[in-house]
Protein backbone atom coordinates (compact mmCIF):
# COMPACT_ATOMS: atom_id res chain seq x y z
CA MET A 1 0.00 0.00 0.00
CA ARG A 2 1.24 3.35 -0.91
CA ILE A 3 0.42 6.50 1.09
CA LEU A 4 0.06 9.57 -1.04
CA GLN A 5 0.30 13.17 0.06
CA PRO A 6 -1.65 15.91 -1.69
CA SER A 7 0.06 18.14 -4.21
CA ARG A 8 -0.86 21.33 -6.01
CA SER A 9 -1.74 19.60 -9.25
CA ARG A 10 -3.94 17.10 -7.50
CA THR A 11 -5.84 19.80 -5.53
CA CYS A 12 -6.61 21.55 -8.86
CA LYS A 13 -7.93 18.28 -10.19
CA MET A 14 -10.13 17.96 -7.09
CA SER A 15 -11.60 21.40 -7.69
CA ARG A 16 -12.36 20.36 -11.23
CA LEU A 17 -14.06 17.21 -9.88
CA SER A 18 -16.21 19.32 -7.57
CA ASN A 19 -17.26 21.33 -10.62
CA PHE A 20 -18.21 18.06 -12.32
CA HIS A 21 -20.28 17.06 -9.25
CA ARG A 22 -22.21 20.28 -9.53
CA GLY A 23 -22.85 19.67 -13.22
CA LYS A 24 -24.16 16.13 -12.52
CA ARG A 25 -21.83 14.32 -14.83
CA LYS A 26 -21.68 10.89 -13.25
CA LYS A 27 -19.82 8.75 -15.79
CA LYS A 28 -16.87 11.07 -16.15
CA LEU A 29 -16.48 11.28 -12.39
CA VAL A 30 -16.38 7.48 -12.06
CA LEU A 31 -13.64 7.24 -14.71
CA LEU A 32 -11.59 9.96 -13.04
CA THR A 33 -11.88 8.33 -9.59
CA GLU A 34 -10.60 5.04 -10.99
CA THR A 35 -7.48 6.61 -12.44
CA LEU A 36 -6.78 9.03 -9.56
CA THR A 37 -6.46 8.50 -5.84
CA LEU A 38 -8.20 11.40 -4.08
CA VAL A 39 -6.87 12.60 -0.75
CA ARG A 40 -8.25 15.25 1.64
CA PRO A 41 -5.83 17.09 3.87
CA GLY A 42 -5.00 14.93 6.89
CA LEU A 43 -6.57 11.68 5.47
CA ALA A 44 -5.27 8.73 3.41
CA PHE A 45 -7.35 6.41 1.23
CA ILE A 46 -6.55 3.14 -0.40
CA HIS A 47 -6.05 3.29 -4.14
CA GLY A 48 -9.34 2.51 -5.95
CA ASP A 49 -11.71 3.05 -2.92
CA HIS A 50 -14.28 5.82 -3.77
CA SER A 51 -17.30 4.92 -1.55
CA PHE A 52 -16.99 8.19 0.43
CA LEU A 53 -17.35 10.25 -2.75
CA GLU A 54 -20.57 8.50 -3.78
CA GLY A 55 -22.13 9.08 -0.31
CA GLU A 56 -21.26 12.74 -0.43
CA MET A 57 -22.77 13.09 -3.89
CA ALA A 58 -25.96 11.33 -2.77
CA ALA A 59 -26.27 13.73 0.21
CA LYS A 60 -25.84 16.70 -2.12
CA ARG A 61 -28.49 15.32 -4.47
CA LYS A 62 -30.89 14.86 -1.57
CA LYS A 63 -30.26 18.45 -0.44
CA LYS A 64 -30.88 19.70 -3.98
CA ALA A 65 -34.06 17.62 -4.26
CA LYS A 66 -35.26 18.99 -0.92
CA LYS A 67 -34.50 22.54 -2.05
CA LYS A 68 -36.40 21.95 -5.28
CA VAL A 69 -39.40 20.58 -3.37
CA ALA A 70 -39.24 23.53 -0.99
CA LYS A 71 -39.02 25.93 -3.93
CA ARG A 72 -41.96 24.22 -5.64
CA ARG A 73 -43.97 24.36 -2.44
CA GLY A 74 -43.08 28.03 -1.99
CA ALA A 75 -43.96 28.72 -5.60
CA LYS A 76 -47.26 26.86 -5.16
CA LYS A 77 -48.00 28.81 -1.98
CA LYS A 78 -47.16 32.07 -3.73
CA ALA A 79 -49.32 31.06 -6.70
CA THR A 80 -52.20 30.14 -4.39
CA LYS A 81 -51.75 33.45 -2.53
CA ARG A 82 -51.68 35.34 -5.81
CA LYS A 83 -54.78 33.47 -6.98
CA ALA A 84 -56.51 34.23 -3.67
CA THR A 85 -55.56 37.91 -3.89
CA LYS A 86 -56.70 38.00 -7.51
CA ARG A 87 -59.98 36.35 -6.55
CA LYS A 88 -60.44 38.84 -3.73
CA ALA A 89 -59.63 41.71 -6.09
CA THR A 90 -62.05 40.35 -8.70
CA LYS A 91 -64.70 39.91 -6.00
CA ARG A 92 -64.12 43.48 -4.81
CA LYS A 93 -64.32 44.75 -8.36
CA ALA A 94 -67.49 42.72 -8.94
CA THR A 95 -69.04 44.10 -5.73
CA LYS A 96 -68.03 47.63 -6.71
CA LYS A 97 -69.51 47.13 -10.18
CA LYS A 98 -72.70 45.74 -8.64
CA ALA A 99 -72.89 48.71 -6.25
CA LYS A 100 -72.33 51.10 -9.17
CA ARG A 101 -75.00 49.34 -11.21
CA LYS A 102 -77.41 49.50 -8.29
CA ALA A 103 -76.63 53.20 -7.80
CA THR A 104 -77.12 53.90 -11.51
CA LYS A 105 -80.37 51.92 -11.46
CA LYS A 106 -81.57 53.85 -8.42
CA LYS A 107 -80.65 57.14 -10.09
CA ALA A 108 -82.43 56.06 -13.28
CA THR A 109 -85.53 55.06 -11.29
CA LYS A 110 -85.44 58.36 -9.40
CA ARG A 111 -85.16 60.27 -12.66
CA ARG A 112 -88.05 58.29 -14.12
CA VAL A 113 -90.15 58.94 -11.05
CA ALA A 114 -89.25 62.66 -11.17
CA LYS A 115 -90.14 62.80 -14.88
CA LYS A 116 -93.45 61.05 -14.22
CA LYS A 117 -94.20 63.47 -11.38
CA LYS A 118 -93.38 66.45 -13.60
CA LYS A 119 -95.62 65.07 -16.34
CA ALA A 120 -98.41 64.49 -13.82
CA THR A 121 -98.05 68.04 -12.45
CA LYS A 122 -98.07 69.45 -15.97
CA ARG A 123 -101.21 67.47 -16.79
CA LYS A 124 -102.87 68.66 -13.60
CA ALA A 125 -101.91 72.27 -14.38
CA ALA A 126 -103.28 71.90 -17.91
CA LYS A 127 -106.52 70.41 -16.55
CA ARG A 128 -106.81 73.24 -14.04
CA LYS A 129 -106.32 75.81 -16.80
CA VAL A 130 -108.97 74.12 -18.93
CA THR A 131 -111.37 73.99 -15.97
CA LYS A 132 -110.68 77.64 -15.17
CA LYS A 133 -111.35 78.65 -18.77
CA LYS A 134 -114.57 76.64 -18.77
CA LYS A 135 -115.63 78.21 -15.48
CA LYS A 136 -114.87 81.69 -16.84
CA LYS A 137 -116.91 80.97 -19.97
CA VAL A 138 -119.79 79.62 -17.88
CA ALA A 139 -119.58 82.69 -15.57
CA LYS A 140 -119.62 85.03 -18.59
CA LYS A 141 -122.63 83.23 -20.02
CA LYS A 142 -124.38 83.42 -16.66
CA LYS A 143 -123.61 87.16 -16.43
CA LYS A 144 -124.98 87.70 -19.93
CA VAL A 145 -128.10 85.72 -19.08
CA ALA A 146 -128.47 87.70 -15.80
CA LYS A 147 -128.10 90.98 -17.71
CA LYS A 148 -130.70 89.89 -20.23
CA LYS A 149 -133.01 88.89 -17.41
CA LYS A 150 -132.46 92.26 -15.72
CA LYS A 151 -133.23 94.06 -18.96
CA VAL A 152 -136.37 91.98 -19.44
CA ALA A 153 -137.35 92.65 -15.82
CA LYS A 154 -136.77 96.39 -16.31
CA LYS A 155 -138.84 96.34 -19.47
CA LYS A 156 -141.58 94.46 -17.66
CA LYS A 157 -141.45 96.97 -14.80
CA LYS A 158 -141.66 99.86 -17.26
CA VAL A 159 -144.58 98.22 -19.00
CA ALA A 160 -146.22 97.59 -15.64
CA LYS A 161 -145.63 101.20 -14.59
CA LYS A 162 -147.08 102.44 -17.85
CA LYS A 163 -150.06 100.20 -17.38
CA LYS A 164 -150.50 101.47 -13.84
CA ALA A 165 -150.14 105.09 -15.01
CA THR A 166 -152.70 104.52 -17.74
CA LYS A 167 -154.99 102.90 -15.22
CA LYS A 168 -154.55 105.81 -12.82
CA LYS A 169 -155.21 108.32 -15.58
CA ALA A 170 -158.31 106.41 -16.57
CA GLN A 171 -159.43 106.34 -12.97
CA LYS A 172 -158.75 110.09 -12.65
CA LYS A 173 -160.68 110.78 -15.77
CA LYS A 174 -163.52 108.63 -14.59
CA SER A 175 -163.72 110.05 -11.05
CA LYS A 176 -162.67 113.69 -10.73
CA ARG A 177 -161.31 114.79 -7.39
CA LYS A 178 -163.74 116.84 -5.34
CA PRO A 179 -162.11 120.07 -4.07
CA ASN A 180 -162.19 121.07 -0.41
CA PRO A 181 -165.14 123.41 0.20
CA ALA A 182 -162.92 125.66 2.40
CA PHE A 183 -160.63 126.35 -0.59
CA MET A 184 -163.60 126.87 -2.92
CA ARG A 185 -165.18 129.54 -0.67
CA PRO A 186 -164.93 132.97 -2.41
CA MET A 187 -162.52 135.45 -0.78
CA GLN A 188 -162.58 139.24 -1.14
CA PRO A 189 -159.12 140.71 -2.09
CA ASP A 190 -158.19 144.13 -0.68
CA ALA A 191 -157.15 147.18 -2.77
CA ALA A 192 -153.41 146.16 -3.04
CA LEU A 193 -154.19 142.57 -4.19
CA ALA A 194 -157.14 143.76 -6.37
CA ALA A 195 -154.61 145.71 -8.52
CA VAL A 196 -153.05 142.31 -9.53
CA VAL A 197 -155.93 139.79 -9.32
CA GLY A 198 -159.12 141.90 -9.59
CA SER A 199 -161.71 143.24 -7.13
CA THR A 200 -164.36 140.47 -7.50
CA PRO A 201 -164.54 137.79 -4.77
CA ILE A 202 -162.69 134.57 -5.95
CA PRO A 203 -161.61 131.30 -4.26
CA ARG A 204 -158.01 130.94 -3.03
CA THR A 205 -156.99 128.55 -5.82
CA GLU A 206 -158.16 131.04 -8.45
CA ILE A 207 -156.24 133.88 -6.73
CA THR A 208 -152.94 131.83 -6.85
CA LYS A 209 -153.59 130.98 -10.53
CA ARG A 210 -154.09 134.65 -11.46
CA LEU A 211 -150.99 135.63 -9.46
CA TRP A 212 -148.83 133.17 -11.42
CA ILE A 213 -150.30 134.34 -14.71
CA TYR A 214 -149.33 137.92 -13.76
CA ILE A 215 -145.75 136.82 -12.73
CA LYS A 216 -145.19 134.88 -16.02
CA LYS A 217 -146.58 137.71 -18.15
CA ASN A 218 -144.27 140.30 -16.59
CA ASP A 219 -141.29 137.81 -16.30
CA LEU A 220 -140.91 138.42 -12.57
CA GLN A 221 -139.41 134.96 -11.73
CA ASP A 222 -135.66 135.23 -10.97
CA SER A 223 -133.43 133.93 -13.84
CA LYS A 224 -130.73 132.40 -11.54
CA ASN A 225 -132.89 131.06 -8.70
CA ARG A 226 -136.32 130.13 -10.06
CA ARG A 227 -137.78 129.79 -6.55
CA MET A 228 -137.41 133.51 -5.95
CA ILE A 229 -139.91 136.10 -7.32
CA ASN A 230 -138.96 139.69 -8.04
CA GLY A 231 -141.62 142.25 -7.05
CA ASP A 232 -142.66 145.14 -9.30
CA ALA A 233 -144.58 148.27 -8.10
CA ALA A 234 -147.92 146.39 -7.79
CA LEU A 235 -146.44 143.31 -6.09
CA ARG A 236 -144.31 145.28 -3.62
CA ALA A 237 -147.53 146.58 -2.03
CA VAL A 238 -148.67 142.92 -1.63
CA PHE A 239 -145.19 141.71 -0.40
CA GLY A 240 -145.03 144.42 2.31
CA GLY A 241 -142.45 146.58 0.52
CA LYS A 242 -140.01 143.68 -0.21
CA SER A 243 -138.36 143.62 -3.66
CA GLN A 244 -137.76 139.78 -3.70
CA VAL A 245 -139.69 136.94 -2.02
CA SER A 246 -139.65 133.13 -2.14
CA MET A 247 -142.67 131.12 -3.34
CA PHE A 248 -143.52 129.83 0.14
CA GLU A 249 -143.27 133.31 1.66
CA MET A 250 -145.45 134.71 -1.14
CA THR A 251 -148.42 132.47 -0.19
CA LYS A 252 -148.26 133.74 3.42
CA LEU A 253 -148.09 137.37 2.35
CA VAL A 254 -150.95 136.97 -0.15
CA SER A 255 -153.22 135.31 2.46
CA ARG A 256 -153.02 138.48 4.59
CA HIS A 257 -154.66 140.52 1.79
CA MET A 258 -157.79 138.26 1.64
CA SER A 259 -160.94 138.48 3.82
């Protein structure tokens, strides 16, 4: 048996072998181990024995397999998380869309209701206007009818009054009014009154008639106030020296000059 110590060239070859282990090239490694005797610092191996190298490679493979499984699991977990987050996001979006749709539907329904209300109010206003116009027309017609009725009533009243007047006239013509015997008694005028009326005895009514005939002949009635009578020379003696006298005062003054 030969004990070998490590050299620089052999250590370089070992590093190359480790590179081959990482690259998973099994056949080449087996061939190299058969030709070379590998030695670690502080250890000696029999030429041709490479069982330690195979065990180390198997452990490395196991570690790599475990890492791969862990990576796959992590990737799966991440994928599931991403899917869950995506689902949540899609659900949120769907809920937001539903809420928006509901809001838009509510707004549309509100607008429709508002439009319907406006239309109803417009119809009501139009109906009210039509009813008002009809009422005004009916009121005008009623007023016209009332006016016509009033006119007819006035005409009837006038006709009735005329009929009554004609009846009264007929009655007057038929039955003449009998004068009071006191007024019909002949009165003797004095000298002052006799100058206007005459000296013969006459009833009071006849004296007043003759007085008025004298006033109208001589135009003694006042032009501005027709109730007042202006006295001339003959009438001043009757009026007691007054130049102007009212009608009512004249009757009193004339009655003094009768006996």
